[in-house]
PDB file of all heavy atoms in Angstrom:
ATOM      1  N   GLY A   1      21.452  11.291  10.106  1.00  0.00           N
ATOM      2  CA  GLY A   1      21.966  10.094   9.466  1.00  0.00           C
ATOM      3  C   GLY A   1      21.069   9.698   8.308  1.00  0.00           C
ATOM      4  O   GLY A   1      20.038  10.302   8.026  1.00  0.00           O
ATOM      5  N   ARG A   2      21.472   8.635   7.608  1.00  0.00           N
ATOM      6  CA  ARG A   2      20.685   8.170   6.459  1.00  0.00           C
ATOM      7  C   ARG A   2      19.281   7.755   6.871  1.00  0.00           C
ATOM      8  O   ARG A   2      18.292   8.086   6.204  1.00  0.00           O
ATOM      9  CB  ARG A   2      21.382   6.995   5.776  1.00  0.00           C
ATOM     10  CG  ARG A   2      22.626   7.371   5.071  1.00  0.00           C
ATOM     11  CD  ARG A   2      22.447   7.108   3.589  1.00  0.00           C
ATOM     12  NE  ARG A   2      23.659   7.509   2.888  1.00  0.00           N
ATOM     13  CZ  ARG A   2      23.659   8.390   1.925  1.00  0.00           C
ATOM     14  NH1 ARG A   2      22.534   8.955   1.550  1.00  0.00           N
ATOM     15  NH2 ARG A   2      24.781   8.726   1.354  1.00  0.00           N
ATOM     16  N   LEU A   3      19.172   7.015   7.945  1.00  0.00           N
ATOM     17  CA  LEU A   3      17.849   6.571   8.408  1.00  0.00           C
ATOM     18  C   LEU A   3      17.009   7.740   8.870  1.00  0.00           C
ATOM     19  O   LEU A   3      15.795   7.812   8.590  1.00  0.00           O
ATOM     20  CB  LEU A   3      18.034   5.539   9.539  1.00  0.00           C
ATOM     21  CG  LEU A   3      16.834   4.687   9.870  1.00  0.00           C
ATOM     22  CD1 LEU A   3      16.375   3.900   8.641  1.00  0.00           C
ATOM     23  CD2 LEU A   3      17.172   3.729  10.975  1.00  0.00           C
ATOM     24  N   GLY A   4      17.610   8.695   9.552  1.00  0.00           N
ATOM     25  CA  GLY A   4      16.881   9.887   9.980  1.00  0.00           C
ATOM     26  C   GLY A   4      16.422  10.724   8.791  1.00  0.00           C
ATOM     27  O   GLY A   4      15.320  11.295   8.817  1.00  0.00           O
ATOM     28  N   ALA A   5      17.283  10.815   7.770  1.00  0.00           N
ATOM     29  CA  ALA A   5      16.898  11.551   6.550  1.00  0.00           C
ATOM     30  C   ALA A   5      15.736  10.883   5.871  1.00  0.00           C
ATOM     31  O   ALA A   5      14.807  11.529   5.355  1.00  0.00           O
ATOM     32  CB  ALA A   5      18.084  11.669   5.598  1.00  0.00           C
ATOM     33  N   LEU A   6      15.750   9.559   5.888  1.00  0.00           N
ATOM     34  CA  LEU A   6      14.610   8.821   5.284  1.00  0.00           C
ATOM     35  C   LEU A   6      13.320   9.107   5.998  1.00  0.00           C
ATOM     36  O   LEU A   6      12.297   9.431   5.396  1.00  0.00           O
ATOM     37  CB  LEU A   6      14.916   7.318   5.272  1.00  0.00           C
ATOM     38  CG  LEU A   6      13.795   6.424   4.773  1.00  0.00           C
ATOM     39  CD1 LEU A   6      13.612   6.588   3.280  1.00  0.00           C
ATOM     40  CD2 LEU A   6      14.076   4.983   5.114  1.00  0.00           C
ATOM     41  N   TYR A   7      13.345   9.013   7.350  1.00  0.00           N
ATOM     42  CA  TYR A   7      12.112   9.187   8.135  1.00  0.00           C
ATOM     43  C   TYR A   7      11.661  10.635   8.257  1.00  0.00           C
ATOM     44  O   TYR A   7      10.489  10.909   8.308  1.00  0.00           O
ATOM     45  CB  TYR A   7      12.286   8.590   9.547  1.00  0.00           C
ATOM     46  CG  TYR A   7      12.207   7.086   9.537  1.00  0.00           C
ATOM     47  CD1 TYR A   7      13.285   6.315   9.903  1.00  0.00           C
ATOM     48  CD2 TYR A   7      11.047   6.439   9.162  1.00  0.00           C
ATOM     49  CE1 TYR A   7      13.226   4.931   9.901  1.00  0.00           C
ATOM     50  CE2 TYR A   7      10.966   5.065   9.144  1.00  0.00           C
ATOM     51  CZ  TYR A   7      12.063   4.310   9.500  1.00  0.00           C
ATOM     52  OH  TYR A   7      11.996   2.963   9.501  1.00  0.00           O
ATOM     53  N   ARG A   8      12.628  11.580   8.319  1.00  0.00           N
ATOM     54  CA  ARG A   8      12.261  12.968   8.568  1.00  0.00           C
ATOM     55  C   ARG A   8      12.078  13.802   7.305  1.00  0.00           C
ATOM     56  O   ARG A   8      11.430  14.831   7.334  1.00  0.00           O
ATOM     57  CB  ARG A   8      13.300  13.622   9.441  1.00  0.00           C
ATOM     58  CG  ARG A   8      13.325  13.058  10.821  1.00  0.00           C
ATOM     59  CD  ARG A   8      14.266  13.828  11.723  1.00  0.00           C
ATOM     60  NE  ARG A   8      14.328  13.179  13.016  1.00  0.00           N
ATOM     61  CZ  ARG A   8      15.440  12.937  13.662  1.00  0.00           C
ATOM     62  NH1 ARG A   8      16.600  13.264  13.150  1.00  0.00           N
ATOM     63  NH2 ARG A   8      15.387  12.342  14.836  1.00  0.00           N
ATOM     64  N   VAL A   9      12.680  13.364   6.174  1.00  0.00           N
ATOM     65  CA  VAL A   9      12.639  14.195   4.964  1.00  0.00           C
ATOM     66  C   VAL A   9      11.997  13.450   3.816  1.00  0.00           C
ATOM     67  O   VAL A   9      11.025  13.928   3.208  1.00  0.00           O
ATOM     68  CB  VAL A   9      14.060  14.656   4.598  1.00  0.00           C
ATOM     69  CG1 VAL A   9      14.033  15.444   3.303  1.00  0.00           C
ATOM     70  CG2 VAL A   9      14.673  15.482   5.709  1.00  0.00           C
ATOM     71  N   VAL A  10      12.514  12.287   3.476  1.00  0.00           N
ATOM     72  CA  VAL A  10      12.091  11.601   2.263  1.00  0.00           C
ATOM     73  C   VAL A  10      10.654  11.042   2.382  1.00  0.00           C
ATOM     74  O   VAL A  10       9.814  11.262   1.500  1.00  0.00           O
ATOM     75  CB  VAL A  10      13.084  10.482   1.861  1.00  0.00           C
ATOM     76  CG1 VAL A  10      12.580   9.724   0.661  1.00  0.00           C
ATOM     77  CG2 VAL A  10      14.454  11.074   1.614  1.00  0.00           C
ATOM     78  N   LEU A  11      10.370  10.351   3.477  1.00  0.00           N
ATOM     79  CA  LEU A  11       9.015   9.770   3.629  1.00  0.00           C
ATOM     80  C   LEU A  11       7.921  10.854   3.722  1.00  0.00           C
ATOM     81  O   LEU A  11       6.867  10.677   3.117  1.00  0.00           O
ATOM     82  CB  LEU A  11       8.963   8.803   4.795  1.00  0.00           C
ATOM     83  CG  LEU A  11       9.682   7.472   4.560  1.00  0.00           C
ATOM     84  CD1 LEU A  11       9.589   6.611   5.795  1.00  0.00           C
ATOM     85  CD2 LEU A  11       9.175   6.766   3.354  1.00  0.00           C
ATOM     86  N   PRO A  12       8.122  11.931   4.461  1.00  0.00           N
ATOM     87  CA  PRO A  12       7.099  12.999   4.425  1.00  0.00           C
ATOM     88  C   PRO A  12       6.938  13.597   3.042  1.00  0.00           C
ATOM     89  O   PRO A  12       5.815  13.953   2.643  1.00  0.00           O
ATOM     90  CB  PRO A  12       7.607  14.045   5.417  1.00  0.00           C
ATOM     91  CG  PRO A  12       8.430  13.259   6.386  1.00  0.00           C
ATOM     92  CD  PRO A  12       9.095  12.213   5.561  1.00  0.00           C
ATOM     93  N   ALA A  13       8.013  13.709   2.264  1.00  0.00           N
ATOM     94  CA  ALA A  13       7.893  14.235   0.907  1.00  0.00           C
ATOM     95  C   ALA A  13       7.181  13.226  -0.006  1.00  0.00           C
ATOM     96  O   ALA A  13       6.529  13.606  -0.951  1.00  0.00           O
ATOM     97  CB  ALA A  13       9.277  14.549   0.344  1.00  0.00           C
ATOM     98  N   ALA A  14       7.314  11.947   0.354  1.00  0.00           N
ATOM     99  CA  ALA A  14       6.688  10.892  -0.470  1.00  0.00           C
ATOM    100  C   ALA A  14       5.296  10.523   0.021  1.00  0.00           C
ATOM    101  O   ALA A  14       4.670   9.598  -0.523  1.00  0.00           O
ATOM    102  CB  ALA A  14       7.581   9.659  -0.476  1.00  0.00           C
ATOM    103  N   LYS A  15       4.766  11.227   1.015  1.00  0.00           N
ATOM    104  CA  LYS A  15       3.459  10.888   1.600  1.00  0.00           C
ATOM    105  C   LYS A  15       2.338  10.794   0.573  1.00  0.00           C
ATOM    106  O   LYS A  15       1.579   9.817   0.557  1.00  0.00           O
ATOM    107  CB  LYS A  15       3.134  11.862   2.692  1.00  0.00           C
ATOM    108  CG  LYS A  15       1.875  11.525   3.451  1.00  0.00           C
ATOM    109  CD  LYS A  15       1.641  12.513   4.589  1.00  0.00           C
ATOM    110  CE  LYS A  15       0.364  12.235   5.319  1.00  0.00           C
ATOM    111  NZ  LYS A  15       0.119  13.233   6.371  1.00  0.00           N
ATOM    112  N   PRO A  16       2.206  11.749  -0.367  1.00  0.00           N
ATOM    113  CA  PRO A  16       1.134  11.632  -1.353  1.00  0.00           C
ATOM    114  C   PRO A  16       1.276  10.371  -2.236  1.00  0.00           C
ATOM    115  O   PRO A  16       0.295   9.706  -2.524  1.00  0.00           O
ATOM    116  CB  PRO A  16       1.262  12.901  -2.210  1.00  0.00           C
ATOM    117  CG  PRO A  16       1.970  13.862  -1.321  1.00  0.00           C
ATOM    118  CD  PRO A  16       2.888  13.052  -0.481  1.00  0.00           C
ATOM    119  N   GLY A  17       2.488  10.048  -2.615  1.00  0.00           N
ATOM    120  CA  GLY A  17       2.697   8.856  -3.430  1.00  0.00           C
ATOM    121  C   GLY A  17       2.417   7.573  -2.657  1.00  0.00           C
ATOM    122  O   GLY A  17       1.816   6.639  -3.182  1.00  0.00           O
ATOM    123  N   LEU A  18       2.829   7.545  -1.386  1.00  0.00           N
ATOM    124  CA  LEU A  18       2.573   6.381  -0.555  1.00  0.00           C
ATOM    125  C   LEU A  18       1.071   6.190  -0.312  1.00  0.00           C
ATOM    126  O   LEU A  18       0.564   5.069  -0.353  1.00  0.00           O
ATOM    127  CB  LEU A  18       3.300   6.501   0.774  1.00  0.00           C
ATOM    128  CG  LEU A  18       4.829   6.416   0.699  1.00  0.00           C
ATOM    129  CD1 LEU A  18       5.443   6.843   2.028  1.00  0.00           C
ATOM    130  CD2 LEU A  18       5.279   5.035   0.294  1.00  0.00           C
ATOM    131  N   VAL A  19       0.386   7.293  -0.084  1.00  0.00           N
ATOM    132  CA  VAL A  19      -1.064   7.218   0.128  1.00  0.00           C
ATOM    133  C   VAL A  19      -1.764   6.745  -1.146  1.00  0.00           C
ATOM    134  O   VAL A  19      -2.662   5.879  -1.095  1.00  0.00           O
ATOM    135  CB  VAL A  19      -1.635   8.584   0.579  1.00  0.00           C
ATOM    136  CG1 VAL A  19      -3.140   8.630   0.511  1.00  0.00           C
ATOM    137  CG2 VAL A  19      -1.161   8.898   1.990  1.00  0.00           C
ATOM    138  N   THR A  20      -1.349   7.264  -2.282  1.00  0.00           N
ATOM    139  CA  THR A  20      -1.967   6.870  -3.564  1.00  0.00           C
ATOM    140  C   THR A  20      -1.751   5.405  -3.845  1.00  0.00           C
ATOM    141  O   THR A  20      -2.714   4.671  -4.156  1.00  0.00           O
ATOM    142  CB  THR A  20      -1.359   7.699  -4.703  1.00  0.00           C
ATOM    143  OG1 THR A  20      -1.605   9.080  -4.439  1.00  0.00           O
ATOM    144  CG2 THR A  20      -1.963   7.322  -6.027  1.00  0.00           C
ATOM    145  N   VAL A  21      -0.542   4.912  -3.679  1.00  0.00           N
ATOM    146  CA  VAL A  21      -0.254   3.510  -3.951  1.00  0.00           C
ATOM    147  C   VAL A  21      -0.964   2.613  -2.921  1.00  0.00           C
ATOM    148  O   VAL A  21      -1.487   1.559  -3.277  1.00  0.00           O
ATOM    149  CB  VAL A  21       1.263   3.251  -3.974  1.00  0.00           C
ATOM    150  CG1 VAL A  21       1.575   1.787  -3.979  1.00  0.00           C
ATOM    151  CG2 VAL A  21       1.874   3.932  -5.185  1.00  0.00           C
ATOM    152  N   SER A  22      -1.000   3.035  -1.671  1.00  0.00           N
ATOM    153  CA  SER A  22      -1.698   2.268  -0.655  1.00  0.00           C
ATOM    154  C   SER A  22      -3.202   2.155  -0.948  1.00  0.00           C
ATOM    155  O   SER A  22      -3.787   1.084  -0.827  1.00  0.00           O
ATOM    156  CB  SER A  22      -1.493   2.896   0.719  1.00  0.00           C
ATOM    157  OG  SER A  22      -0.164   2.915   1.067  1.00  0.00           O
ATOM    158  N   LEU A  23      -3.780   3.279  -1.370  1.00  0.00           N
ATOM    159  CA  LEU A  23      -5.200   3.264  -1.696  1.00  0.00           C
ATOM    160  C   LEU A  23      -5.477   2.386  -2.927  1.00  0.00           C
ATOM    161  O   LEU A  23      -6.439   1.604  -2.922  1.00  0.00           O
ATOM    162  CB  LEU A  23      -5.693   4.686  -1.936  1.00  0.00           C
ATOM    163  CG  LEU A  23      -7.187   4.881  -2.114  1.00  0.00           C
ATOM    164  CD1 LEU A  23      -7.948   4.356  -0.909  1.00  0.00           C
ATOM    165  CD2 LEU A  23      -7.521   6.345  -2.322  1.00  0.00           C
ATOM    166  N   LEU A  24      -4.650   2.492  -3.941  1.00  0.00           N
ATOM    167  CA  LEU A  24      -4.825   1.636  -5.120  1.00  0.00           C
ATOM    168  C   LEU A  24      -4.629   0.176  -4.781  1.00  0.00           C
ATOM    169  O   LEU A  24      -5.345  -0.704  -5.294  1.00  0.00           O
ATOM    170  CB  LEU A  24      -3.858   2.071  -6.233  1.00  0.00           C
ATOM    171  CG  LEU A  24      -4.160   3.421  -6.878  1.00  0.00           C
ATOM    172  CD1 LEU A  24      -3.050   3.797  -7.854  1.00  0.00           C
ATOM    173  CD2 LEU A  24      -5.509   3.401  -7.595  1.00  0.00           C
ATOM    174  N   ALA A  25      -3.663  -0.145  -3.928  1.00  0.00           N
ATOM    175  CA  ALA A  25      -3.438  -1.522  -3.515  1.00  0.00           C
ATOM    176  C   ALA A  25      -4.617  -2.041  -2.701  1.00  0.00           C
ATOM    177  O   ALA A  25      -5.036  -3.183  -2.882  1.00  0.00           O
ATOM    178  CB  ALA A  25      -2.155  -1.628  -2.725  1.00  0.00           C
ATOM    179  N   PHE A  26      -5.167  -1.208  -1.823  1.00  0.00           N
ATOM    180  CA  PHE A  26      -6.319  -1.600  -1.032  1.00  0.00           C
ATOM    181  C   PHE A  26      -7.521  -1.880  -1.925  1.00  0.00           C
ATOM    182  O   PHE A  26      -8.231  -2.890  -1.771  1.00  0.00           O
ATOM    183  CB  PHE A  26      -6.671  -0.532  -0.006  1.00  0.00           C
ATOM    184  CG  PHE A  26      -7.910  -0.842   0.783  1.00  0.00           C
ATOM    185  CD1 PHE A  26      -7.871  -1.781   1.795  1.00  0.00           C
ATOM    186  CD2 PHE A  26      -9.114  -0.215   0.475  1.00  0.00           C
ATOM    187  CE1 PHE A  26      -9.000  -2.086   2.508  1.00  0.00           C
ATOM    188  CE2 PHE A  26     -10.257  -0.522   1.204  1.00  0.00           C
ATOM    189  CZ  PHE A  26     -10.213  -1.450   2.227  1.00  0.00           C
ATOM    190  N   ILE A  27      -7.764  -1.004  -2.874  1.00  0.00           N
ATOM    191  CA  ILE A  27      -8.887  -1.206  -3.791  1.00  0.00           C
ATOM    192  C   ILE A  27      -8.685  -2.461  -4.625  1.00  0.00           C
ATOM    193  O   ILE A  27      -9.617  -3.243  -4.832  1.00  0.00           O
ATOM    194  CB  ILE A  27      -9.078   0.048  -4.700  1.00  0.00           C
ATOM    195  CG1 ILE A  27      -9.573   1.219  -3.864  1.00  0.00           C
ATOM    196  CG2 ILE A  27     -10.052  -0.244  -5.837  1.00  0.00           C
ATOM    197  CD1 ILE A  27      -9.576   2.549  -4.607  1.00  0.00           C
ATOM    198  N   GLY A  28      -7.469  -2.671  -5.077  1.00  0.00           N
ATOM    199  CA  GLY A  28      -7.178  -3.887  -5.846  1.00  0.00           C
ATOM    200  C   GLY A  28      -7.407  -5.153  -5.041  1.00  0.00           C
ATOM    201  O   GLY A  28      -7.973  -6.149  -5.525  1.00  0.00           O
ATOM    202  N   ALA A  29      -6.938  -5.166  -3.785  1.00  0.00           N
ATOM    203  CA  ALA A  29      -7.134  -6.328  -2.927  1.00  0.00           C
ATOM    204  C   ALA A  29      -8.590  -6.497  -2.549  1.00  0.00           C
ATOM    205  O   ALA A  29      -9.109  -7.610  -2.445  1.00  0.00           O
ATOM    206  CB  ALA A  29      -6.247  -6.201  -1.688  1.00  0.00           C
ATOM    207  N   TRP A  30      -9.278  -5.380  -2.278  1.00  0.00           N
ATOM    208  CA  TRP A  30     -10.678  -5.459  -1.888  1.00  0.00           C
ATOM    209  C   TRP A  30     -11.540  -6.013  -3.003  1.00  0.00           C
ATOM    210  O   TRP A  30     -12.484  -6.753  -2.750  1.00  0.00           O
ATOM    211  CB  TRP A  30     -11.130  -4.054  -1.492  1.00  0.00           C
ATOM    212  CG  TRP A  30     -12.519  -3.998  -0.954  1.00  0.00           C
ATOM    213  CD1 TRP A  30     -13.639  -3.626  -1.620  1.00  0.00           C
ATOM    214  CD2 TRP A  30     -12.935  -4.314   0.367  1.00  0.00           C
ATOM    215  NE1 TRP A  30     -14.732  -3.678  -0.779  1.00  0.00           N
ATOM    216  CE2 TRP A  30     -14.307  -4.117   0.439  1.00  0.00           C
ATOM    217  CE3 TRP A  30     -12.268  -4.735   1.512  1.00  0.00           C
ATOM    218  CZ2 TRP A  30     -15.041  -4.333   1.593  1.00  0.00           C
ATOM    219  CZ3 TRP A  30     -13.001  -4.949   2.665  1.00  0.00           C
ATOM    220  CH2 TRP A  30     -14.356  -4.740   2.710  1.00  0.00           C
ATOM    221  N   ASN A  31     -11.232  -5.659  -4.221  1.00  0.00           N
ATOM    222  CA  ASN A  31     -12.059  -6.080  -5.348  1.00  0.00           C
ATOM    223  C   ASN A  31     -11.600  -7.393  -5.979  1.00  0.00           C
ATOM    224  O   ASN A  31     -12.188  -7.789  -6.982  1.00  0.00           O
ATOM    225  CB  ASN A  31     -12.073  -4.994  -6.423  1.00  0.00           C
ATOM    226  CG  ASN A  31     -12.868  -3.791  -5.973  1.00  0.00           C
ATOM    227  OD1 ASN A  31     -13.824  -3.909  -5.228  1.00  0.00           O
ATOM    228  ND2 ASN A  31     -12.476  -2.631  -6.433  1.00  0.00           N
ATOM    229  N   GLU A  32     -10.610  -8.030  -5.408  1.00  0.00           N
ATOM    230  CA  GLU A  32     -10.134  -9.316  -5.975  1.00  0.00           C
ATOM    231  C   GLU A  32     -11.159 -10.400  -5.630  1.00  0.00           C
ATOM    232  O   GLU A  32     -11.241 -10.868  -4.505  1.00  0.00           O
ATOM    233  CB  GLU A  32      -8.776  -9.652  -5.359  1.00  0.00           C
ATOM    234  CG  GLU A  32      -8.227 -10.940  -5.875  1.00  0.00           C
ATOM    235  CD  GLU A  32      -8.034 -10.961  -7.383  1.00  0.00           C
ATOM    236  OE1 GLU A  32      -7.359 -10.080  -7.908  1.00  0.00           O
ATOM    237  OE2 GLU A  32      -8.572 -11.882  -8.016  1.00  0.00           O
ATOM    238  N   VAL A  33     -11.920 -10.791  -6.622  1.00  0.00           N
ATOM    239  CA  VAL A  33     -13.009 -11.749  -6.405  1.00  0.00           C
ATOM    240  C   VAL A  33     -12.551 -13.160  -6.765  1.00  0.00           C
ATOM    241  O   VAL A  33     -12.747 -14.115  -6.013  1.00  0.00           O
ATOM    242  CB  VAL A  33     -14.270 -11.361  -7.187  1.00  0.00           C
ATOM    243  CG1 VAL A  33     -15.321 -12.415  -7.083  1.00  0.00           C
ATOM    244  CG2 VAL A  33     -14.793 -10.039  -6.688  1.00  0.00           C
ATOM    245  N   LEU A  34     -11.951 -13.333  -7.912  1.00  0.00           N
ATOM    246  CA  LEU A  34     -11.633 -14.662  -8.403  1.00  0.00           C
ATOM    247  C   LEU A  34     -10.644 -15.395  -7.499  1.00  0.00           C
ATOM    248  O   LEU A  34     -10.879 -16.550  -7.110  1.00  0.00           O
ATOM    249  CB  LEU A  34     -11.073 -14.563  -9.830  1.00  0.00           C
ATOM    250  CG  LEU A  34     -10.749 -15.900 -10.486  1.00  0.00           C
ATOM    251  CD1 LEU A  34     -12.007 -16.749 -10.616  1.00  0.00           C
ATOM    252  CD2 LEU A  34     -10.115 -15.677 -11.839  1.00  0.00           C
ATOM    253  N   LEU A  35      -9.593 -14.729  -7.099  1.00  0.00           N
ATOM    254  CA  LEU A  35      -8.605 -15.347  -6.214  1.00  0.00           C
ATOM    255  C   LEU A  35      -9.205 -15.678  -4.863  1.00  0.00           C
ATOM    256  O   LEU A  35      -8.984 -16.759  -4.311  1.00  0.00           O
ATOM    257  CB  LEU A  35      -7.398 -14.409  -6.062  1.00  0.00           C
ATOM    258  CG  LEU A  35      -6.184 -15.010  -5.359  1.00  0.00           C
ATOM    259  CD1 LEU A  35      -5.610 -16.145  -6.181  1.00  0.00           C
ATOM    260  CD2 LEU A  35      -5.152 -13.933  -5.162  1.00  0.00           C
ATOM    261  N   ALA A  36      -9.981 -14.753  -4.309  1.00  0.00           N
ATOM    262  CA  ALA A  36     -10.617 -15.005  -3.015  1.00  0.00           C
ATOM    263  C   ALA A  36     -11.660 -16.120  -3.124  1.00  0.00           C
ATOM    264  O   ALA A  36     -11.798 -16.906  -2.183  1.00  0.00           O
ATOM    265  CB  ALA A  36     -11.273 -13.727  -2.517  1.00  0.00           C
ATOM    266  N   LEU A  37     -12.345 -16.215  -4.235  1.00  0.00           N
ATOM    267  CA  LEU A  37     -13.349 -17.263  -4.418  1.00  0.00           C
ATOM    268  C   LEU A  37     -12.674 -18.646  -4.484  1.00  0.00           C
ATOM    269  O   LEU A  37     -13.172 -19.622  -3.913  1.00  0.00           O
ATOM    270  CB  LEU A  37     -14.141 -17.012  -5.710  1.00  0.00           C
ATOM    271  CG  LEU A  37     -15.298 -17.940  -6.014  1.00  0.00           C
ATOM    272  CD1 LEU A  37     -16.345 -17.876  -4.917  1.00  0.00           C
ATOM    273  CD2 LEU A  37     -15.923 -17.587  -7.351  1.00  0.00           C
ATOM    274  N   VAL A  38     -11.526 -18.717  -5.114  1.00  0.00           N
ATOM    275  CA  VAL A  38     -10.824 -19.991  -5.251  1.00  0.00           C
ATOM    276  C   VAL A  38     -10.164 -20.393  -3.932  1.00  0.00           C
ATOM    277  O   VAL A  38     -10.171 -21.573  -3.567  1.00  0.00           O
ATOM    278  CB  VAL A  38      -9.770 -19.895  -6.378  1.00  0.00           C
ATOM    279  CG1 VAL A  38      -8.854 -21.106  -6.376  1.00  0.00           C
ATOM    280  CG2 VAL A  38     -10.456 -19.742  -7.724  1.00  0.00           C
ATOM    281  N   LEU A  39      -9.584 -19.450  -3.215  1.00  0.00           N
ATOM    282  CA  LEU A  39      -8.814 -19.783  -2.027  1.00  0.00           C
ATOM    283  C   LEU A  39      -9.616 -19.899  -0.745  1.00  0.00           C
ATOM    284  O   LEU A  39      -9.126 -20.422   0.249  1.00  0.00           O
ATOM    285  CB  LEU A  39      -7.711 -18.741  -1.823  1.00  0.00           C
ATOM    286  CG  LEU A  39      -6.603 -18.723  -2.887  1.00  0.00           C
ATOM    287  CD1 LEU A  39      -5.605 -17.642  -2.577  1.00  0.00           C
ATOM    288  CD2 LEU A  39      -5.926 -20.067  -2.963  1.00  0.00           C
ATOM    289  N   THR A  40     -10.836 -19.401  -0.708  1.00  0.00           N
ATOM    290  CA  THR A  40     -11.641 -19.554   0.503  1.00  0.00           C
ATOM    291  C   THR A  40     -12.562 -20.738   0.350  1.00  0.00           C
ATOM    292  O   THR A  40     -13.186 -20.964  -0.694  1.00  0.00           O
ATOM    293  CB  THR A  40     -12.500 -18.275   0.759  1.00  0.00           C
ATOM    294  OG1 THR A  40     -13.275 -17.981  -0.376  1.00  0.00           O
ATOM    295  CG2 THR A  40     -11.599 -17.111   1.082  1.00  0.00           C
ATOM    296  N   SER A  41     -12.649 -21.519   1.428  1.00  0.00           N
ATOM    297  CA  SER A  41     -13.449 -22.732   1.353  1.00  0.00           C
ATOM    298  C   SER A  41     -14.695 -22.662   2.210  1.00  0.00           C
ATOM    299  O   SER A  41     -15.736 -23.228   1.879  1.00  0.00           O
ATOM    300  CB  SER A  41     -12.605 -23.943   1.745  1.00  0.00           C
ATOM    301  OG  SER A  41     -12.034 -23.749   3.033  1.00  0.00           O
ATOM    302  N   SER A  42     -14.623 -21.990   3.347  1.00  0.00           N
ATOM    303  CA  SER A  42     -15.777 -21.977   4.229  1.00  0.00           C
ATOM    304  C   SER A  42     -16.517 -20.624   4.094  1.00  0.00           C
ATOM    305  O   SER A  42     -15.961 -19.623   3.643  1.00  0.00           O
ATOM    306  CB  SER A  42     -15.352 -22.168   5.677  1.00  0.00           C
ATOM    307  OG  SER A  42     -14.589 -21.084   6.131  1.00  0.00           O
TER     308      SER A  42
END
């Protein structure tokens, strides 16, 4: 089915792209200093 094709075929084929975007998003969030400085109080 469509959902099975997504999980069994498309997502494994997209694994490198998902890993790359996840890693870039993690680095971006980890290095976000200004927003974290403003929003954290304690």
